[in-house]
Full PDB file with SEQRES, HELIX, SHEET, SSBOND, CRYST1, ORIGX, SCALE, CONECT and MASTER records, all heavy atoms in Angstrom:
SEQRES   1 A   42  SER SER SER MET GLN MET ALA THR ALA ALA VAL VAL GLY          
SEQRES   2 A   42  SER VAL ALA VAL LEU ALA THR TYR TYR VAL ARG ARG ALA          
SEQRES   3 A   42  ARG PRO GLY ASP PRO SER PRO ARG SER GLU ARG SER VAL          
SEQRES   4 A   42  ASN LEU ASP                                                  
HELIX    1 AA1 SER A    2  ALA A   26  1                                  25    
HELIX    2 AA2 PRO A   33  SER A   35  5                                   3    
CRYST1    1.000    1.000    1.000  90.00  90.00  90.00 P 1           1          
ORIGX1      1.000000  0.000000  0.000000        0.00000                         
ORIGX2      0.000000  1.000000  0.000000        0.00000                         
ORIGX3      0.000000  0.000000  1.000000        0.00000                         
SCALE1      1.000000  0.000000  0.000000        0.00000                         
SCALE2      0.000000  1.000000  0.000000        0.00000                         
SCALE3      0.000000  0.000000  1.000000        0.00000                         
ATOM      1  N   SER A   1     -20.760 129.833 -90.382  1.00  0.00           N  
ATOM      2  CA  SER A   1     -20.654 129.503 -91.811  1.00  0.00           C  
ATOM      3  C   SER A   1     -19.208 129.679 -92.283  1.00  0.00           C  
ATOM      4  O   SER A   1     -18.380 130.303 -91.614  1.00  0.00           O  
ATOM      5  CB  SER A   1     -21.576 130.411 -92.615  1.00  0.00           C  
ATOM      6  OG  SER A   1     -21.123 131.751 -92.542  1.00  0.00           O  
ATOM      7  N   SER A   2     -18.936 129.146 -93.464  1.00  0.00           N  
ATOM      8  CA  SER A   2     -17.575 129.225 -94.028  1.00  0.00           C  
ATOM      9  C   SER A   2     -17.123 130.666 -94.202  1.00  0.00           C  
ATOM     10  O   SER A   2     -15.972 131.006 -93.920  1.00  0.00           O  
ATOM     11  CB  SER A   2     -17.512 128.523 -95.381  1.00  0.00           C  
ATOM     12  OG  SER A   2     -17.876 127.187 -95.267  1.00  0.00           O  
ATOM     13  N   SER A   3     -18.030 131.518 -94.685  1.00  0.00           N  
ATOM     14  CA  SER A   3     -17.644 132.912 -94.892  1.00  0.00           C  
ATOM     15  C   SER A   3     -17.361 133.608 -93.559  1.00  0.00           C  
ATOM     16  O   SER A   3     -16.450 134.435 -93.465  1.00  0.00           O  
ATOM     17  CB  SER A   3     -18.724 133.661 -95.669  1.00  0.00           C  
ATOM     18  OG  SER A   3     -19.946 133.611 -94.969  1.00  0.00           O  
ATOM     19  N   MET A   4     -18.100 133.267 -92.510  1.00  0.00           N  
ATOM     20  CA  MET A   4     -17.846 133.854 -91.192  1.00  0.00           C  
ATOM     21  C   MET A   4     -16.537 133.323 -90.598  1.00  0.00           C  
ATOM     22  O   MET A   4     -15.818 134.057 -89.920  1.00  0.00           O  
ATOM     23  CB  MET A   4     -19.011 133.567 -90.239  1.00  0.00           C  
ATOM     24  CG  MET A   4     -20.254 134.386 -90.541  1.00  0.00           C  
ATOM     25  SD  MET A   4     -19.971 136.160 -90.523  1.00  0.00           S  
ATOM     26  CE  MET A   4     -19.586 136.419 -88.811  1.00  0.00           C  
ATOM     27  N   GLN A   5     -16.228 132.066 -90.864  1.00  0.00           N  
ATOM     28  CA  GLN A   5     -14.951 131.504 -90.412  1.00  0.00           C  
ATOM     29  C   GLN A   5     -13.786 132.248 -91.061  1.00  0.00           C  
ATOM     30  O   GLN A   5     -12.821 132.634 -90.381  1.00  0.00           O  
ATOM     31  CB  GLN A   5     -14.862 130.020 -90.761  1.00  0.00           C  
ATOM     32  CG  GLN A   5     -15.840 129.148 -90.027  1.00  0.00           C  
ATOM     33  CD  GLN A   5     -15.860 127.733 -90.581  1.00  0.00           C  
ATOM     34  OE1 GLN A   5     -14.881 127.284 -91.173  1.00  0.00           O  
ATOM     35  NE2 GLN A   5     -16.971 127.036 -90.394  1.00  0.00           N  
ATOM     36  N   MET A   6     -13.882 132.465 -92.375  1.00  0.00           N  
ATOM     37  CA  MET A   6     -12.822 133.181 -93.088  1.00  0.00           C  
ATOM     38  C   MET A   6     -12.719 134.632 -92.623  1.00  0.00           C  
ATOM     39  O   MET A   6     -11.611 135.159 -92.451  1.00  0.00           O  
ATOM     40  CB  MET A   6     -13.065 133.122 -94.590  1.00  0.00           C  
ATOM     41  CG  MET A   6     -12.734 131.768 -95.177  1.00  0.00           C  
ATOM     42  SD  MET A   6     -12.791 131.802 -96.952  1.00  0.00           S  
ATOM     43  CE  MET A   6     -14.248 130.823 -97.218  1.00  0.00           C  
ATOM     44  N   ALA A   7     -13.876 135.258 -92.403  1.00  0.00           N  
ATOM     45  CA  ALA A   7     -13.859 136.642 -91.930  1.00  0.00           C  
ATOM     46  C   ALA A   7     -13.239 136.730 -90.535  1.00  0.00           C  
ATOM     47  O   ALA A   7     -12.443 137.631 -90.256  1.00  0.00           O  
ATOM     48  CB  ALA A   7     -15.274 137.216 -91.925  1.00  0.00           C  
ATOM     49  N   THR A   8     -13.588 135.786 -89.675  1.00  0.00           N  
ATOM     50  CA  THR A   8     -13.016 135.765 -88.330  1.00  0.00           C  
ATOM     51  C   THR A   8     -11.503 135.582 -88.390  1.00  0.00           C  
ATOM     52  O   THR A   8     -10.749 136.297 -87.719  1.00  0.00           O  
ATOM     53  CB  THR A   8     -13.648 134.641 -87.490  1.00  0.00           C  
ATOM     54  OG1 THR A   8     -15.058 134.848 -87.432  1.00  0.00           O  
ATOM     55  CG2 THR A   8     -13.070 134.597 -86.095  1.00  0.00           C  
ATOM     56  N   ALA A   9     -11.057 134.632 -89.198  1.00  0.00           N  
ATOM     57  CA  ALA A   9      -9.615 134.391 -89.331  1.00  0.00           C  
ATOM     58  C   ALA A   9      -8.910 135.621 -89.894  1.00  0.00           C  
ATOM     59  O   ALA A   9      -7.837 136.005 -89.408  1.00  0.00           O  
ATOM     60  CB  ALA A   9      -9.366 133.182 -90.222  1.00  0.00           C  
ATOM     61  N   ALA A  10      -9.505 136.257 -90.881  1.00  0.00           N  
ATOM     62  CA  ALA A  10      -8.882 137.429 -91.502  1.00  0.00           C  
ATOM     63  C   ALA A  10      -8.806 138.598 -90.528  1.00  0.00           C  
ATOM     64  O   ALA A  10      -7.769 139.256 -90.417  1.00  0.00           O  
ATOM     65  CB  ALA A  10      -9.659 137.828 -92.751  1.00  0.00           C  
ATOM     66  N   VAL A  11      -9.891 138.854 -89.806  1.00  0.00           N  
ATOM     67  CA  VAL A  11      -9.910 139.989 -88.883  1.00  0.00           C  
ATOM     68  C   VAL A  11      -8.945 139.756 -87.718  1.00  0.00           C  
ATOM     69  O   VAL A  11      -8.131 140.628 -87.386  1.00  0.00           O  
ATOM     70  CB  VAL A  11     -11.345 140.256 -88.379  1.00  0.00           C  
ATOM     71  CG1 VAL A  11     -11.354 141.225 -87.217  1.00  0.00           C  
ATOM     72  CG2 VAL A  11     -12.216 140.772 -89.511  1.00  0.00           C  
ATOM     73  N   VAL A  12      -9.018 138.583 -87.101  1.00  0.00           N  
ATOM     74  CA  VAL A  12      -8.145 138.308 -85.957  1.00  0.00           C  
ATOM     75  C   VAL A  12      -6.671 138.291 -86.384  1.00  0.00           C  
ATOM     76  O   VAL A  12      -5.813 138.873 -85.708  1.00  0.00           O  
ATOM     77  CB  VAL A  12      -8.542 136.985 -85.259  1.00  0.00           C  
ATOM     78  CG1 VAL A  12      -7.515 136.575 -84.223  1.00  0.00           C  
ATOM     79  CG2 VAL A  12      -9.913 137.121 -84.629  1.00  0.00           C  
ATOM     80  N   GLY A  13      -6.360 137.670 -87.497  1.00  0.00           N  
ATOM     81  CA  GLY A  13      -4.977 137.641 -87.981  1.00  0.00           C  
ATOM     82  C   GLY A  13      -4.465 139.032 -88.327  1.00  0.00           C  
ATOM     83  O   GLY A  13      -3.337 139.395 -87.986  1.00  0.00           O  
ATOM     84  N   SER A  14      -5.305 139.828 -89.000  1.00  0.00           N  
ATOM     85  CA  SER A  14      -4.897 141.186 -89.367  1.00  0.00           C  
ATOM     86  C   SER A  14      -4.672 142.060 -88.135  1.00  0.00           C  
ATOM     87  O   SER A  14      -3.699 142.809 -88.058  1.00  0.00           O  
ATOM     88  CB  SER A  14      -5.954 141.834 -90.263  1.00  0.00           C  
ATOM     89  OG  SER A  14      -6.078 141.111 -91.455  1.00  0.00           O  
ATOM     90  N   VAL A  15      -5.580 141.962 -87.167  1.00  0.00           N  
ATOM     91  CA  VAL A  15      -5.429 142.745 -85.940  1.00  0.00           C  
ATOM     92  C   VAL A  15      -4.163 142.326 -85.190  1.00  0.00           C  
ATOM     93  O   VAL A  15      -3.420 143.166 -84.683  1.00  0.00           O  
ATOM     94  CB  VAL A  15      -6.686 142.620 -85.052  1.00  0.00           C  
ATOM     95  CG1 VAL A  15      -6.440 143.158 -83.660  1.00  0.00           C  
ATOM     96  CG2 VAL A  15      -7.857 143.336 -85.700  1.00  0.00           C  
ATOM     97  N   ALA A  16      -3.892 141.033 -85.151  1.00  0.00           N  
ATOM     98  CA  ALA A  16      -2.683 140.557 -84.458  1.00  0.00           C  
ATOM     99  C   ALA A  16      -1.422 141.052 -85.153  1.00  0.00           C  
ATOM    100  O   ALA A  16      -0.467 141.491 -84.489  1.00  0.00           O  
ATOM    101  CB  ALA A  16      -2.694 139.032 -84.381  1.00  0.00           C  
ATOM    102  N   VAL A  17      -1.401 141.007 -86.482  1.00  0.00           N  
ATOM    103  CA  VAL A  17      -0.233 141.483 -87.226  1.00  0.00           C  
ATOM    104  C   VAL A  17      -0.047 142.983 -87.019  1.00  0.00           C  
ATOM    105  O   VAL A  17       1.063 143.455 -86.743  1.00  0.00           O  
ATOM    106  CB  VAL A  17      -0.363 141.144 -88.731  1.00  0.00           C  
ATOM    107  CG1 VAL A  17       0.653 141.917 -89.561  1.00  0.00           C  
ATOM    108  CG2 VAL A  17      -0.185 139.656 -88.958  1.00  0.00           C  
ATOM    109  N   LEU A  18      -1.118 143.753 -87.142  1.00  0.00           N  
ATOM    110  CA  LEU A  18      -1.014 145.201 -86.959  1.00  0.00           C  
ATOM    111  C   LEU A  18      -0.611 145.569 -85.535  1.00  0.00           C  
ATOM    112  O   LEU A  18       0.206 146.470 -85.323  1.00  0.00           O  
ATOM    113  CB  LEU A  18      -2.335 145.871 -87.334  1.00  0.00           C  
ATOM    114  CG  LEU A  18      -2.660 145.886 -88.834  1.00  0.00           C  
ATOM    115  CD1 LEU A  18      -4.054 146.429 -89.077  1.00  0.00           C  
ATOM    116  CD2 LEU A  18      -1.627 146.680 -89.601  1.00  0.00           C  
ATOM    117  N   ALA A  19      -1.180 144.880 -84.556  1.00  0.00           N  
ATOM    118  CA  ALA A  19      -0.820 145.165 -83.163  1.00  0.00           C  
ATOM    119  C   ALA A  19       0.654 144.868 -82.924  1.00  0.00           C  
ATOM    120  O   ALA A  19       1.362 145.655 -82.277  1.00  0.00           O  
ATOM    121  CB  ALA A  19      -1.689 144.340 -82.214  1.00  0.00           C  
ATOM    122  N   THR A  20       1.144 143.756 -83.452  1.00  0.00           N  
ATOM    123  CA  THR A  20       2.556 143.410 -83.306  1.00  0.00           C  
ATOM    124  C   THR A  20       3.442 144.443 -83.983  1.00  0.00           C  
ATOM    125  O   THR A  20       4.461 144.863 -83.435  1.00  0.00           O  
ATOM    126  CB  THR A  20       2.827 142.021 -83.901  1.00  0.00           C  
ATOM    127  OG1 THR A  20       2.011 141.075 -83.239  1.00  0.00           O  
ATOM    128  CG2 THR A  20       4.279 141.635 -83.757  1.00  0.00           C  
ATOM    129  N   TYR A  21       3.042 144.887 -85.166  1.00  0.00           N  
ATOM    130  CA  TYR A  21       3.824 145.876 -85.903  1.00  0.00           C  
ATOM    131  C   TYR A  21       3.933 147.177 -85.109  1.00  0.00           C  
ATOM    132  O   TYR A  21       5.020 147.727 -84.951  1.00  0.00           O  
ATOM    133  CB  TYR A  21       3.179 146.135 -87.261  1.00  0.00           C  
ATOM    134  CG  TYR A  21       3.810 147.286 -88.008  1.00  0.00           C  
ATOM    135  CD1 TYR A  21       5.045 147.142 -88.631  1.00  0.00           C  
ATOM    136  CD2 TYR A  21       3.182 148.520 -88.071  1.00  0.00           C  
ATOM    137  CE1 TYR A  21       5.632 148.207 -89.298  1.00  0.00           C  
ATOM    138  CE2 TYR A  21       3.758 149.578 -88.738  1.00  0.00           C  
ATOM    139  CZ  TYR A  21       4.977 149.417 -89.351  1.00  0.00           C  
ATOM    140  OH  TYR A  21       5.544 150.467 -90.003  1.00  0.00           O  
ATOM    141  N   TYR A  22       2.810 147.667 -84.596  1.00  0.00           N  
ATOM    142  CA  TYR A  22       2.830 148.938 -83.878  1.00  0.00           C  
ATOM    143  C   TYR A  22       3.524 148.833 -82.524  1.00  0.00           C  
ATOM    144  O   TYR A  22       4.185 149.776 -82.094  1.00  0.00           O  
ATOM    145  CB  TYR A  22       1.421 149.501 -83.728  1.00  0.00           C  
ATOM    146  CG  TYR A  22       0.912 150.074 -85.035  1.00  0.00           C  
ATOM    147  CD1 TYR A  22      -0.161 149.515 -85.698  1.00  0.00           C  
ATOM    148  CD2 TYR A  22       1.546 151.163 -85.620  1.00  0.00           C  
ATOM    149  CE1 TYR A  22      -0.606 150.019 -86.901  1.00  0.00           C  
ATOM    150  CE2 TYR A  22       1.114 151.675 -86.825  1.00  0.00           C  
ATOM    151  CZ  TYR A  22       0.035 151.106 -87.465  1.00  0.00           C  
ATOM    152  OH  TYR A  22      -0.392 151.614 -88.662  1.00  0.00           O  
ATOM    153  N   VAL A  23       3.413 147.707 -81.857  1.00  0.00           N  
ATOM    154  CA  VAL A  23       4.117 147.533 -80.580  1.00  0.00           C  
ATOM    155  C   VAL A  23       5.627 147.493 -80.819  1.00  0.00           C  
ATOM    156  O   VAL A  23       6.395 148.133 -80.094  1.00  0.00           O  
ATOM    157  CB  VAL A  23       3.641 146.253 -79.858  1.00  0.00           C  
ATOM    158  CG1 VAL A  23       4.578 145.860 -78.733  1.00  0.00           C  
ATOM    159  CG2 VAL A  23       2.230 146.453 -79.328  1.00  0.00           C  
ATOM    160  N   ARG A  24       6.063 146.790 -81.836  1.00  0.00           N  
ATOM    161  CA  ARG A  24       7.498 146.709 -82.138  1.00  0.00           C  
ATOM    162  C   ARG A  24       8.036 148.052 -82.601  1.00  0.00           C  
ATOM    163  O   ARG A  24       9.170 148.411 -82.313  1.00  0.00           O  
ATOM    164  CB  ARG A  24       7.764 145.657 -83.212  1.00  0.00           C  
ATOM    165  CG  ARG A  24       7.704 144.263 -82.677  1.00  0.00           C  
ATOM    166  CD  ARG A  24       8.104 143.283 -83.757  1.00  0.00           C  
ATOM    167  NE  ARG A  24       8.500 142.039 -83.152  1.00  0.00           N  
ATOM    168  CZ  ARG A  24       9.113 141.077 -83.795  1.00  0.00           C  
ATOM    169  NH1 ARG A  24       9.401 141.224 -85.062  1.00  0.00           N  
ATOM    170  NH2 ARG A  24       9.437 139.972 -83.180  1.00  0.00           N  
ATOM    171  N   ARG A  25       7.229 148.787 -83.349  1.00  0.00           N  
ATOM    172  CA  ARG A  25       7.669 150.082 -83.856  1.00  0.00           C  
ATOM    173  C   ARG A  25       7.779 151.121 -82.741  1.00  0.00           C  
ATOM    174  O   ARG A  25       8.638 151.996 -82.786  1.00  0.00           O  
ATOM    175  CB  ARG A  25       6.679 150.563 -84.917  1.00  0.00           C  
ATOM    176  CG  ARG A  25       7.161 151.752 -85.675  1.00  0.00           C  
ATOM    177  CD  ARG A  25       6.248 152.046 -86.818  1.00  0.00           C  
ATOM    178  NE  ARG A  25       5.958 153.469 -86.775  1.00  0.00           N  
ATOM    179  CZ  ARG A  25       4.886 154.026 -87.209  1.00  0.00           C  
ATOM    180  NH1 ARG A  25       3.936 153.287 -87.723  1.00  0.00           N  
ATOM    181  NH2 ARG A  25       4.719 155.312 -87.158  1.00  0.00           N  
ATOM    182  N   ALA A  26       6.914 151.019 -81.738  1.00  0.00           N  
ATOM    183  CA  ALA A  26       6.915 151.988 -80.647  1.00  0.00           C  
ATOM    184  C   ALA A  26       8.051 151.755 -79.653  1.00  0.00           C  
ATOM    185  O   ALA A  26       8.432 152.674 -78.936  1.00  0.00           O  
ATOM    186  CB  ALA A  26       5.576 151.940 -79.918  1.00  0.00           C  
ATOM    187  N   ARG A  27       8.567 150.536 -79.606  1.00  0.00           N  
ATOM    188  CA  ARG A  27       9.652 150.234 -78.672  1.00  0.00           C  
ATOM    189  C   ARG A  27      10.928 150.935 -79.107  1.00  0.00           C  
ATOM    190  O   ARG A  27      11.241 150.984 -80.288  1.00  0.00           O  
ATOM    191  CB  ARG A  27       9.935 148.732 -78.667  1.00  0.00           C  
ATOM    192  CG  ARG A  27       9.179 147.987 -77.649  1.00  0.00           C  
ATOM    193  CD  ARG A  27       9.673 146.582 -77.470  1.00  0.00           C  
ATOM    194  NE  ARG A  27      10.558 146.102 -78.526  1.00  0.00           N  
ATOM    195  CZ  ARG A  27      10.741 144.842 -78.809  1.00  0.00           C  
ATOM    196  NH1 ARG A  27      10.129 143.917 -78.126  1.00  0.00           N  
ATOM    197  NH2 ARG A  27      11.543 144.480 -79.766  1.00  0.00           N  
ATOM    198  N   PRO A  28      11.681 151.461 -78.152  1.00  0.00           N  
ATOM    199  CA  PRO A  28      12.959 152.054 -78.540  1.00  0.00           C  
ATOM    200  C   PRO A  28      13.900 150.964 -79.033  1.00  0.00           C  
ATOM    201  O   PRO A  28      13.871 149.837 -78.542  1.00  0.00           O  
ATOM    202  CB  PRO A  28      13.472 152.687 -77.245  1.00  0.00           C  
ATOM    203  CG  PRO A  28      12.753 151.985 -76.151  1.00  0.00           C  
ATOM    204  CD  PRO A  28      11.431 151.540 -76.723  1.00  0.00           C  
ATOM    205  N   GLY A  29      14.717 151.322 -79.993  1.00  0.00           N  
ATOM    206  CA  GLY A  29      15.665 150.356 -80.538  1.00  0.00           C  
ATOM    207  C   GLY A  29      16.790 150.062 -79.575  1.00  0.00           C  
ATOM    208  O   GLY A  29      17.008 150.765 -78.588  1.00  0.00           O  
ATOM    209  N   ASP A  30      17.489 149.018 -79.846  1.00  0.00           N  
ATOM    210  CA  ASP A  30      18.653 148.679 -79.038  1.00  0.00           C  
ATOM    211  C   ASP A  30      19.725 149.741 -79.237  1.00  0.00           C  
ATOM    212  O   ASP A  30      19.836 150.330 -80.309  1.00  0.00           O  
ATOM    213  CB  ASP A  30      19.202 147.315 -79.452  1.00  0.00           C  
ATOM    214  CG  ASP A  30      18.251 146.186 -79.128  1.00  0.00           C  
ATOM    215  OD1 ASP A  30      17.484 146.338 -78.161  1.00  0.00           O  
ATOM    216  OD2 ASP A  30      18.274 145.168 -79.836  1.00  0.00           O  
ATOM    217  N   PRO A  31      20.516 149.994 -78.222  1.00  0.00           N  
ATOM    218  CA  PRO A  31      21.589 150.970 -78.400  1.00  0.00           C  
ATOM    219  C   PRO A  31      22.588 150.477 -79.436  1.00  0.00           C  
ATOM    220  O   PRO A  31      22.761 149.275 -79.636  1.00  0.00           O  
ATOM    221  CB  PRO A  31      22.228 151.076 -77.015  1.00  0.00           C  
ATOM    222  CG  PRO A  31      21.813 149.856 -76.291  1.00  0.00           C  
ATOM    223  CD  PRO A  31      20.507 149.422 -76.887  1.00  0.00           C  
ATOM    224  N   SER A  32      23.227 151.417 -80.075  1.00  0.00           N  
ATOM    225  CA  SER A  32      24.200 151.075 -81.102  1.00  0.00           C  
ATOM    226  C   SER A  32      25.350 150.282 -80.494  1.00  0.00           C  
ATOM    227  O   SER A  32      25.858 150.638 -79.434  1.00  0.00           O  
ATOM    228  CB  SER A  32      24.732 152.355 -81.735  1.00  0.00           C  
ATOM    229  OG  SER A  32      25.825 152.072 -82.573  1.00  0.00           O  
ATOM    230  N   PRO A  33      25.781 149.218 -81.146  1.00  0.00           N  
ATOM    231  CA  PRO A  33      26.932 148.469 -80.629  1.00  0.00           C  
ATOM    232  C   PRO A  33      28.181 149.335 -80.566  1.00  0.00           C  
ATOM    233  O   PRO A  33      29.073 149.082 -79.776  1.00  0.00           O  
ATOM    234  CB  PRO A  33      27.113 147.335 -81.631  1.00  0.00           C  
ATOM    235  CG  PRO A  33      25.870 147.269 -82.418  1.00  0.00           C  
ATOM    236  CD  PRO A  33      25.211 148.598 -82.323  1.00  0.00           C  
ATOM    237  N   ARG A  34      28.237 150.391 -81.398  1.00  0.00           N  
ATOM    238  CA  ARG A  34      29.406 151.268 -81.396  1.00  0.00           C  
ATOM    239  C   ARG A  34      29.512 152.074 -80.109  1.00  0.00           C  
ATOM    240  O   ARG A  34      30.531 152.656 -79.831  1.00  0.00           O  
ATOM    241  CB  ARG A  34      29.331 152.235 -82.575  1.00  0.00           C  
ATOM    242  CG  ARG A  34      29.327 151.538 -83.920  1.00  0.00           C  
ATOM    243  CD  ARG A  34      29.145 152.527 -85.009  1.00  0.00           C  
ATOM    244  NE  ARG A  34      27.908 153.277 -84.773  1.00  0.00           N  
ATOM    245  CZ  ARG A  34      27.300 154.033 -85.650  1.00  0.00           C  
ATOM    246  NH1 ARG A  34      27.798 154.170 -86.843  1.00  0.00           N  
ATOM    247  NH2 ARG A  34      26.190 154.669 -85.352  1.00  0.00           N  
ATOM    248  N   SER A  35      28.417 152.115 -79.319  1.00  0.00           N  
ATOM    249  CA  SER A  35      28.450 152.896 -78.081  1.00  0.00           C  
ATOM    250  C   SER A  35      28.685 152.019 -76.851  1.00  0.00           C  
ATOM    251  O   SER A  35      28.601 152.510 -75.730  1.00  0.00           O  
ATOM    252  CB  SER A  35      27.139 153.665 -77.924  1.00  0.00           C  
ATOM    253  OG  SER A  35      26.061 152.771 -77.741  1.00  0.00           O  
ATOM    254  N   GLU A  36      28.983 150.758 -77.049  1.00  0.00           N  
ATOM    255  CA  GLU A  36      29.223 149.850 -75.927  1.00  0.00           C  
ATOM    256  C   GLU A  36      30.718 149.633 -75.727  1.00  0.00           C  
ATOM    257  O   GLU A  36      31.457 149.394 -76.680  1.00  0.00           O  
ATOM    258  CB  GLU A  36      28.528 148.512 -76.180  1.00  0.00           C  
ATOM    259  CG  GLU A  36      27.018 148.638 -76.202  1.00  0.00           C  
ATOM    260  CD  GLU A  36      26.338 147.301 -76.355  1.00  0.00           C  
ATOM    261  OE1 GLU A  36      26.953 146.274 -76.011  1.00  0.00           O  
ATOM    262  OE2 GLU A  36      25.203 147.286 -76.837  1.00  0.00           O  
ATOM    263  N   ARG A  37      31.143 149.725 -74.496  1.00  0.00           N  
ATOM    264  CA  ARG A  37      32.564 149.587 -74.163  1.00  0.00           C  
ATOM    265  C   ARG A  37      33.092 148.199 -74.515  1.00  0.00           C  
ATOM    266  O   ARG A  37      34.259 148.049 -74.873  1.00  0.00           O  
ATOM    267  CB  ARG A  37      32.767 149.874 -72.671  1.00  0.00           C  
ATOM    268  CG  ARG A  37      34.171 149.708 -72.193  1.00  0.00           C  
ATOM    269  CD  ARG A  37      34.859 151.029 -72.045  1.00  0.00           C  
ATOM    270  NE  ARG A  37      36.175 150.840 -71.443  1.00  0.00           N  
ATOM    271  CZ  ARG A  37      37.237 151.444 -71.896  1.00  0.00           C  
ATOM    272  NH1 ARG A  37      37.142 152.276 -72.886  1.00  0.00           N  
ATOM    273  NH2 ARG A  37      38.395 151.242 -71.329  1.00  0.00           N  
ATOM    274  N   SER A  38      32.250 147.185 -74.440  1.00  0.00           N  
ATOM    275  CA  SER A  38      32.701 145.824 -74.742  1.00  0.00           C  
ATOM    276  C   SER A  38      33.009 145.650 -76.230  1.00  0.00           C  
ATOM    277  O   SER A  38      33.757 144.756 -76.605  1.00  0.00           O  
ATOM    278  CB  SER A  38      31.649 144.806 -74.306  1.00  0.00           C  
ATOM    279  OG  SER A  38      30.453 145.011 -75.018  1.00  0.00           O  
ATOM    280  N   VAL A  39      32.455 146.510 -77.076  1.00  0.00           N  
ATOM    281  CA  VAL A  39      32.690 146.430 -78.517  1.00  0.00           C  
ATOM    282  C   VAL A  39      33.789 147.405 -78.935  1.00  0.00           C  
ATOM    283  O   VAL A  39      34.618 147.095 -79.776  1.00  0.00           O  
ATOM    284  CB  VAL A  39      31.384 146.733 -79.291  1.00  0.00           C  
ATOM    285  CG1 VAL A  39      31.629 146.804 -80.787  1.00  0.00           C  
ATOM    286  CG2 VAL A  39      30.329 145.692 -78.977  1.00  0.00           C  
ATOM    287  N   ASN A  40      33.770 148.592 -78.325  1.00  0.00           N  
ATOM    288  CA  ASN A  40      34.699 149.635 -78.714  1.00  0.00           C  
ATOM    289  C   ASN A  40      35.399 150.163 -77.467  1.00  0.00           C  
ATOM    290  O   ASN A  40      34.780 150.811 -76.628  1.00  0.00           O  
ATOM    291  CB  ASN A  40      33.939 150.752 -79.426  1.00  0.00           C  
ATOM    292  CG  ASN A  40      34.840 151.777 -80.015  1.00  0.00           C  
ATOM    293  OD1 ASN A  40      36.028 151.806 -79.721  1.00  0.00           O  
ATOM    294  ND2 ASN A  40      34.287 152.635 -80.837  1.00  0.00           N  
ATOM    295  N   LEU A  41      36.679 149.921 -77.345  1.00  0.00           N  
ATOM    296  CA  LEU A  41      37.421 150.316 -76.148  1.00  0.00           C  
ATOM    297  C   LEU A  41      37.621 151.823 -76.039  1.00  0.00           C  
ATOM    298  O   LEU A  41      38.037 152.310 -74.998  1.00  0.00           O  
ATOM    299  CB  LEU A  41      38.769 149.598 -76.104  1.00  0.00           C  
ATOM    300  CG  LEU A  41      38.673 148.081 -75.947  1.00  0.00           C  
ATOM    301  CD1 LEU A  41      40.059 147.451 -75.987  1.00  0.00           C  
ATOM    302  CD2 LEU A  41      37.968 147.720 -74.659  1.00  0.00           C  
ATOM    303  N   ASP A  42      37.313 152.576 -77.091  1.00  0.00           N  
ATOM    304  CA  ASP A  42      37.425 154.032 -77.025  1.00  0.00           C  
ATOM    305  C   ASP A  42      36.296 154.658 -76.219  1.00  0.00           C  
ATOM    306  O   ASP A  42      36.442 155.766 -75.700  1.00  0.00           O  
ATOM    307  CB  ASP A  42      37.432 154.632 -78.431  1.00  0.00           C  
ATOM    308  CG  ASP A  42      38.660 154.219 -79.222  1.00  0.00           C  
ATOM    309  OD1 ASP A  42      39.752 154.177 -78.625  1.00  0.00           O  
ATOM    310  OD2 ASP A  42      38.524 153.938 -80.423  1.00  0.00           O  
TER     311      ASP A  42                                                      
MASTER        0    0    0    2    0    0    0    6  310    1    0    4          
END                                                                             
């Protein structure tokens, strides 16, 4: 039914967004460019 289609879309979309958010948040960030020799010769 239409309501089940909307519920399915809402649940799957929400789970995908939340999963992406938590996976990206758990990953360590890129090292600071200030700590790379190619950017800073010091």
